[in-house]
N, C-alpha and C. Protein backbone atom coordinates (compact mmCIF):
# COMPACT_ATOMS: atom_id res chain seq x y z
N MET A 1 26.96 -126.34 126.64
CA MET A 1 28.31 -126.88 126.64
C MET A 1 29.29 -125.75 126.31
N SER A 2 30.23 -125.49 127.21
CA SER A 2 31.21 -124.43 126.95
C SER A 2 32.48 -125.02 126.36
N LYS A 3 33.07 -124.24 125.52
CA LYS A 3 34.31 -124.67 124.89
C LYS A 3 35.44 -123.82 125.47
N PHE A 4 36.53 -124.48 125.87
CA PHE A 4 37.66 -123.75 126.42
C PHE A 4 38.37 -123.00 125.30
N PRO A 5 38.81 -121.77 125.57
CA PRO A 5 39.54 -121.02 124.54
C PRO A 5 40.88 -121.68 124.24
N GLN A 6 41.26 -121.63 123.00
CA GLN A 6 42.54 -122.18 122.59
C GLN A 6 43.65 -121.19 122.92
N PRO A 7 44.81 -121.68 123.38
CA PRO A 7 45.92 -120.76 123.65
C PRO A 7 46.43 -120.16 122.35
N PRO A 8 47.01 -118.97 122.42
CA PRO A 8 47.55 -118.37 121.21
C PRO A 8 48.63 -119.26 120.61
N GLU A 9 48.63 -119.37 119.31
CA GLU A 9 49.60 -120.23 118.63
C GLU A 9 50.91 -119.47 118.44
N LEU A 10 52.00 -120.11 118.82
CA LEU A 10 53.32 -119.53 118.61
C LEU A 10 53.86 -120.02 117.27
N LYS A 11 54.33 -119.11 116.47
CA LYS A 11 54.92 -119.47 115.18
C LYS A 11 56.34 -119.96 115.38
N ASP A 12 56.84 -120.72 114.43
CA ASP A 12 58.22 -121.18 114.49
C ASP A 12 59.15 -119.99 114.66
N GLY A 13 60.11 -120.12 115.57
CA GLY A 13 61.05 -119.04 115.80
C GLY A 13 61.68 -119.14 117.18
N THR A 14 62.37 -118.08 117.56
CA THR A 14 63.04 -118.05 118.86
C THR A 14 62.39 -116.99 119.74
N TYR A 15 62.30 -117.33 121.02
CA TYR A 15 61.63 -116.49 121.99
C TYR A 15 62.39 -116.56 123.31
N LYS A 16 61.98 -115.70 124.24
CA LYS A 16 62.42 -115.78 125.63
C LYS A 16 61.19 -116.15 126.42
N ALA A 17 61.30 -117.20 127.24
CA ALA A 17 60.17 -117.65 128.06
C ALA A 17 60.48 -117.38 129.52
N ARG A 18 59.53 -116.80 130.21
CA ARG A 18 59.67 -116.51 131.64
C ARG A 18 58.53 -117.20 132.37
N CYS A 19 58.84 -117.86 133.46
CA CYS A 19 57.81 -118.53 134.25
C CYS A 19 56.84 -117.51 134.82
N LYS A 20 55.57 -117.88 134.86
CA LYS A 20 54.56 -117.02 135.47
C LYS A 20 54.60 -117.14 136.99
N GLU A 21 55.18 -118.23 137.49
CA GLU A 21 55.27 -118.44 138.93
C GLU A 21 56.27 -117.45 139.53
N SER A 22 55.99 -116.97 140.74
CA SER A 22 56.83 -115.95 141.37
C SER A 22 58.02 -116.52 142.14
N THR A 23 57.99 -117.81 142.44
CA THR A 23 59.11 -118.42 143.17
C THR A 23 59.49 -119.74 142.52
N GLN A 24 60.71 -120.18 142.82
CA GLN A 24 61.17 -121.46 142.28
C GLN A 24 60.35 -122.62 142.83
N LEU A 25 59.91 -122.52 144.08
CA LEU A 25 59.08 -123.57 144.67
C LEU A 25 57.75 -123.70 143.92
N LYS A 26 57.12 -122.58 143.63
CA LYS A 26 55.86 -122.61 142.88
C LYS A 26 56.09 -123.18 141.48
N ALA A 27 57.21 -122.82 140.86
CA ALA A 27 57.53 -123.36 139.54
C ALA A 27 57.72 -124.88 139.62
N ALA A 28 58.39 -125.34 140.68
CA ALA A 28 58.61 -126.78 140.85
C ALA A 28 57.29 -127.53 141.04
N ILE A 29 56.39 -126.95 141.79
CA ILE A 29 55.09 -127.58 142.02
C ILE A 29 54.35 -127.77 140.70
N ASN A 30 54.51 -126.82 139.78
CA ASN A 30 53.85 -126.89 138.47
C ASN A 30 54.68 -127.62 137.42
N GLY A 31 55.86 -128.12 137.80
CA GLY A 31 56.70 -128.86 136.87
C GLY A 31 57.55 -127.99 135.97
N HIS A 32 57.73 -126.72 136.35
CA HIS A 32 58.46 -125.78 135.51
C HIS A 32 59.82 -125.39 136.09
N SER A 33 60.33 -126.14 137.05
CA SER A 33 61.55 -125.74 137.76
C SER A 33 62.77 -125.66 136.84
N GLN A 34 62.82 -126.47 135.81
CA GLN A 34 63.97 -126.44 134.92
C GLN A 34 64.00 -125.18 134.07
N VAL A 35 62.86 -124.55 133.90
CA VAL A 35 62.77 -123.33 133.09
C VAL A 35 62.93 -122.09 133.97
N TRP A 36 62.61 -122.18 135.26
CA TRP A 36 62.58 -121.03 136.16
C TRP A 36 63.94 -120.38 136.29
N PRO A 37 64.09 -119.06 136.33
CA PRO A 37 63.04 -118.07 136.13
C PRO A 37 62.76 -117.81 134.65
N GLU A 38 63.77 -118.05 133.78
CA GLU A 38 63.53 -117.89 132.35
C GLU A 38 64.49 -118.75 131.56
N ALA A 39 64.15 -118.95 130.30
CA ALA A 39 64.98 -119.76 129.42
C ALA A 39 64.75 -119.32 127.98
N ASP A 40 65.69 -119.69 127.12
CA ASP A 40 65.50 -119.48 125.69
C ASP A 40 64.47 -120.49 125.21
N LEU A 41 63.65 -120.10 124.27
CA LEU A 41 62.58 -120.95 123.77
C LEU A 41 62.65 -121.00 122.25
N THR A 42 62.66 -122.20 121.72
CA THR A 42 62.62 -122.39 120.27
C THR A 42 61.36 -123.16 119.93
N ILE A 43 60.57 -122.61 119.00
CA ILE A 43 59.36 -123.28 118.52
C ILE A 43 59.65 -123.81 117.13
N ARG A 44 59.38 -125.09 116.94
CA ARG A 44 59.57 -125.72 115.63
C ARG A 44 58.49 -126.78 115.45
N GLU A 45 57.70 -126.60 114.39
CA GLU A 45 56.64 -127.56 114.02
C GLU A 45 55.71 -127.88 115.18
N GLY A 46 55.33 -126.85 115.94
CA GLY A 46 54.37 -127.04 117.02
C GLY A 46 54.94 -127.52 118.33
N TRP A 47 56.24 -127.67 118.43
CA TRP A 47 56.88 -128.13 119.66
C TRP A 47 57.81 -127.06 120.20
N ALA A 48 57.84 -126.94 121.53
CA ALA A 48 58.64 -125.94 122.21
C ALA A 48 59.81 -126.61 122.92
N SER A 49 61.00 -126.08 122.70
CA SER A 49 62.20 -126.56 123.38
C SER A 49 62.77 -125.41 124.20
N PHE A 50 62.88 -125.62 125.50
CA PHE A 50 63.44 -124.63 126.40
C PHE A 50 64.90 -124.97 126.64
N SER A 51 65.77 -123.97 126.53
CA SER A 51 67.20 -124.25 126.73
C SER A 51 67.85 -123.17 127.58
N LYS A 52 68.90 -123.59 128.27
CA LYS A 52 69.74 -122.70 129.07
C LYS A 52 71.17 -122.99 128.69
N ASP A 53 71.91 -121.95 128.38
CA ASP A 53 73.32 -122.09 127.96
C ASP A 53 73.46 -123.08 126.81
N GLY A 54 72.48 -123.10 125.90
CA GLY A 54 72.54 -123.95 124.73
C GLY A 54 72.15 -125.40 124.96
N ILE A 55 71.75 -125.75 126.17
CA ILE A 55 71.37 -127.14 126.51
C ILE A 55 69.86 -127.19 126.72
N VAL A 56 69.18 -128.08 126.00
CA VAL A 56 67.73 -128.22 126.14
C VAL A 56 67.43 -128.82 127.51
N VAL A 57 66.58 -128.11 128.27
CA VAL A 57 66.25 -128.55 129.62
C VAL A 57 64.82 -129.06 129.76
N TRP A 58 63.95 -128.71 128.78
CA TRP A 58 62.56 -129.14 128.88
C TRP A 58 61.88 -128.95 127.54
N LYS A 59 60.87 -129.78 127.26
CA LYS A 59 60.09 -129.67 126.01
C LYS A 59 58.61 -129.84 126.31
N CYS A 60 57.80 -129.20 125.48
CA CYS A 60 56.35 -129.35 125.54
C CYS A 60 55.78 -128.88 124.22
N ASN A 61 54.47 -128.96 124.05
CA ASN A 61 53.90 -128.44 122.80
C ASN A 61 53.77 -126.92 122.89
N SER A 62 53.68 -126.28 121.76
CA SER A 62 53.70 -124.81 121.73
C SER A 62 52.48 -124.19 122.39
N GLY A 63 51.35 -124.88 122.35
CA GLY A 63 50.15 -124.37 123.02
C GLY A 63 50.33 -124.30 124.52
N TYR A 64 50.93 -125.33 125.09
CA TYR A 64 51.20 -125.35 126.53
C TYR A 64 52.16 -124.21 126.89
N ALA A 65 53.20 -124.03 126.07
CA ALA A 65 54.18 -122.97 126.33
C ALA A 65 53.52 -121.60 126.30
N SER A 66 52.67 -121.34 125.33
CA SER A 66 52.04 -120.02 125.23
C SER A 66 51.06 -119.77 126.37
N LEU A 67 50.49 -120.82 126.91
CA LEU A 67 49.50 -120.68 127.97
C LEU A 67 50.15 -120.53 129.35
N HIS A 68 51.26 -121.22 129.58
CA HIS A 68 51.84 -121.30 130.93
C HIS A 68 53.09 -120.45 131.15
N PHE A 69 53.59 -119.79 130.13
CA PHE A 69 54.80 -118.97 130.26
C PHE A 69 54.56 -117.60 129.64
N LYS A 70 55.29 -116.61 130.13
CA LYS A 70 55.30 -115.29 129.50
C LYS A 70 56.32 -115.37 128.37
N VAL A 71 55.86 -115.28 127.15
CA VAL A 71 56.71 -115.48 125.98
C VAL A 71 56.87 -114.17 125.21
N THR A 72 58.12 -113.81 124.95
CA THR A 72 58.41 -112.62 124.14
C THR A 72 59.35 -113.00 123.01
N ALA A 73 59.12 -112.40 121.86
CA ALA A 73 59.94 -112.69 120.69
C ALA A 73 61.33 -112.10 120.90
N THR A 74 62.34 -112.77 120.33
CA THR A 74 63.70 -112.26 120.37
C THR A 74 64.12 -111.92 118.95
N ALA A 75 65.10 -111.04 118.85
CA ALA A 75 65.62 -110.66 117.53
C ALA A 75 66.33 -111.84 116.90
N CYS A 76 66.18 -112.00 115.60
CA CYS A 76 66.79 -113.12 114.89
C CYS A 76 68.28 -112.93 114.73
């Protein structure tokens, strides 16, 4: 029985999230069109909130965010 690896855990904070998909169509197929091509990402208590221009456009758990997006830390 194989166990799937756990995605890296994101700590509470602010990040920049970039879609791994190369086109908006591919992002839409995967349900990430609201985030494409990138968005601000806030992690709080295990939940990820993606925002553009200060408006939250999508939410998911932090594990999903770390697995499906290119996430980089931003300066506080």
